[in-house]
Amino acid sequence: MPISYAIDPIEQLVTTRLWGVMIDDEVRDHNRKLHADPAFNPGYRQLVDMTEVTESRVGTNTINETSADHFFNPGTPRAFVATSDAIFGMARKFALQAESEGQTIQVFRDMEKARKWLGLR
């Protein structure tokens, strides 16, 4: 599954886009790259676009590990957008686990609602 991200210092936003089949190694690799990027700021909001993910092969261990990863500051708003039921459910599981670790994540089915929640135009 390809994953890309962009960091916008003016909007103070990390935009992550995923498409195709989600697999464990690519999710972990993306997180390592983002965290190591010198432009990354842990206080920036995040918008995760999962609307083009066709299948998730991400295992429970990866969800557990990544939801416990604290490279975004606690309380920093993060919005995940997923339109398919399966991907939405996986994102909610991740969000619930991450929220128990102090993260602030909402999962949406609509990009405009997610952008509004993040305070974006």
Protein backbone atom coordinates (compact mmCIF):
# COMPACT_ATOMS: atom_id res chain seq x y z
CA MET A 1 0.00 0.00 0.00
CA PRO A 2 1.41 3.33 -0.87
CA ILE A 3 1.44 6.01 1.80
CA SER A 4 2.40 9.63 1.34
CA TYR A 5 2.44 12.60 3.63
CA ALA A 6 2.88 16.34 3.42
CA ILE A 7 3.78 18.76 6.19
CA ASP A 8 2.36 22.26 5.92
CA PRO A 9 3.98 24.62 8.45
CA ILE A 10 1.63 27.48 7.54
CA GLU A 11 -1.51 25.44 8.31
CA GLN A 12 0.38 23.51 11.01
CA LEU A 13 -0.93 20.32 9.46
CA VAL A 14 0.34 16.88 8.56
CA THR A 15 -1.71 15.35 5.77
CA THR A 16 -1.32 11.61 5.32
CA ARG A 17 -2.84 9.76 2.38
CA LEU A 18 -3.16 5.98 2.12
CA TRP A 19 -4.46 3.96 -0.81
CA GLY A 20 -4.63 0.38 -1.98
CA VAL A 21 -3.97 -2.48 0.43
CA MET A 22 -2.75 -1.54 3.93
CA ILE A 23 -0.01 -3.79 5.32
CA ASP A 24 1.90 -3.77 8.60
CA ASP A 25 5.40 -2.98 7.33
CA GLU A 26 4.33 0.02 5.28
CA VAL A 27 2.36 1.50 8.17
CA ARG A 28 5.37 1.12 10.49
CA ASP A 29 7.75 2.48 7.85
CA HIS A 30 5.55 5.52 7.27
CA ASN A 31 5.42 6.28 10.99
CA ARG A 32 9.22 6.00 11.28
CA LYS A 33 9.76 8.32 8.30
CA LEU A 34 7.25 10.90 9.52
CA HIS A 35 8.67 10.94 13.03
CA ALA A 36 12.24 11.33 11.69
CA ASP A 37 11.34 14.09 9.19
CA PRO A 38 13.01 17.33 10.38
CA ALA A 39 9.93 19.30 9.26
CA PHE A 40 7.66 17.24 11.51
CA ASN A 41 6.24 19.08 14.50
CA PRO A 42 4.42 16.93 17.09
CA GLY A 43 2.02 19.80 17.82
CA TYR A 44 0.72 19.95 14.24
CA ARG A 45 -2.77 18.64 13.56
CA GLN A 46 -3.11 15.57 11.34
CA LEU A 47 -5.56 14.73 8.59
CA VAL A 48 -5.43 11.09 7.47
CA ASP A 49 -7.16 10.32 4.17
CA MET A 50 -8.02 6.62 4.02
CA THR A 51 -10.83 6.99 1.47
CA GLU A 52 -8.92 5.08 -1.21
CA VAL A 53 -7.84 2.13 0.95
CA THR A 54 -9.25 -1.02 -0.65
CA GLU A 55 -8.26 -3.56 2.01
CA SER A 56 -6.58 -3.70 5.40
CA ARG A 57 -4.11 -6.45 6.23
CA VAL A 58 -2.92 -4.60 9.30
CA GLY A 59 -2.79 -6.90 12.28
CA THR A 60 -3.80 -6.32 15.86
CA ASN A 61 -0.15 -6.10 16.97
CA THR A 62 0.50 -3.19 14.60
CA ILE A 63 -2.66 -1.39 15.71
CA ASN A 64 -1.62 -1.87 19.34
CA GLU A 65 1.96 -0.69 18.72
CA THR A 66 1.08 2.33 16.60
CA SER A 67 -1.76 3.46 18.85
CA ALA A 68 0.70 3.54 21.76
CA ASP A 69 3.25 5.58 19.75
CA HIS A 70 3.27 9.08 21.19
CA PHE A 71 5.00 11.09 18.49
CA PHE A 72 2.08 13.56 18.30
CA ASN A 73 1.63 15.67 21.43
CA PRO A 74 -1.25 14.62 23.69
CA GLY A 75 -4.37 16.58 22.85
CA THR A 76 -3.27 17.42 19.30
CA PRO A 77 -6.31 16.96 17.04
CA ARG A 78 -6.02 14.16 14.50
CA ALA A 79 -8.80 13.33 12.04
CA PHE A 80 -9.03 10.08 10.10
CA VAL A 81 -11.38 9.81 7.12
CA ALA A 82 -12.56 6.39 5.90
CA THR A 83 -15.57 5.65 3.74
CA SER A 84 -15.65 1.84 3.76
CA ASP A 85 -17.13 0.12 6.81
CA ALA A 86 -14.11 -2.14 7.34
CA ILE A 87 -11.54 0.65 7.20
CA PHE A 88 -13.73 2.94 9.31
CA GLY A 89 -14.00 0.20 11.95
CA MET A 90 -10.25 -0.38 11.97
CA ALA A 91 -9.63 3.37 12.29
CA ARG A 92 -12.09 3.57 15.21
CA LYS A 93 -10.30 0.72 16.97
CA PHE A 94 -7.00 2.54 16.52
CA ALA A 95 -8.53 5.82 17.70
CA LEU A 96 -10.06 4.29 20.83
CA GLN A 97 -6.77 2.69 21.81
CA ALA A 98 -4.80 5.87 21.06
CA GLU A 99 -7.28 7.97 23.03
CA SER A 100 -6.59 5.83 26.09
CA GLU A 101 -2.96 6.93 25.63
CA GLY A 102 -3.89 10.64 25.63
CA GLN A 103 -4.29 11.16 21.88
CA THR A 104 -7.23 13.13 20.43
CA ILE A 105 -8.51 11.34 17.33
CA GLN A 106 -11.87 11.45 15.60
CA VAL A 107 -12.85 9.19 12.70
CA PHE A 108 -15.07 10.57 9.97
CA ARG A 109 -16.74 9.34 6.80
CA ASP A 110 -16.77 12.81 5.25
CA MET A 111 -13.65 14.86 4.43
CA GLU A 112 -15.37 18.23 4.87
CA LYS A 113 -16.56 17.33 8.37
CA ALA A 114 -13.04 16.19 9.28
CA ARG A 115 -11.52 19.42 7.94
CA LYS A 116 -14.08 21.49 9.84
CA TRP A 117 -13.36 19.59 13.08
CA LEU A 118 -9.65 20.33 12.59
CA GLY A 119 -10.42 24.02 12.04
CA LEU A 120 -9.35 24.00 8.38
CA ARG A 121 -10.90 25.91 5.53
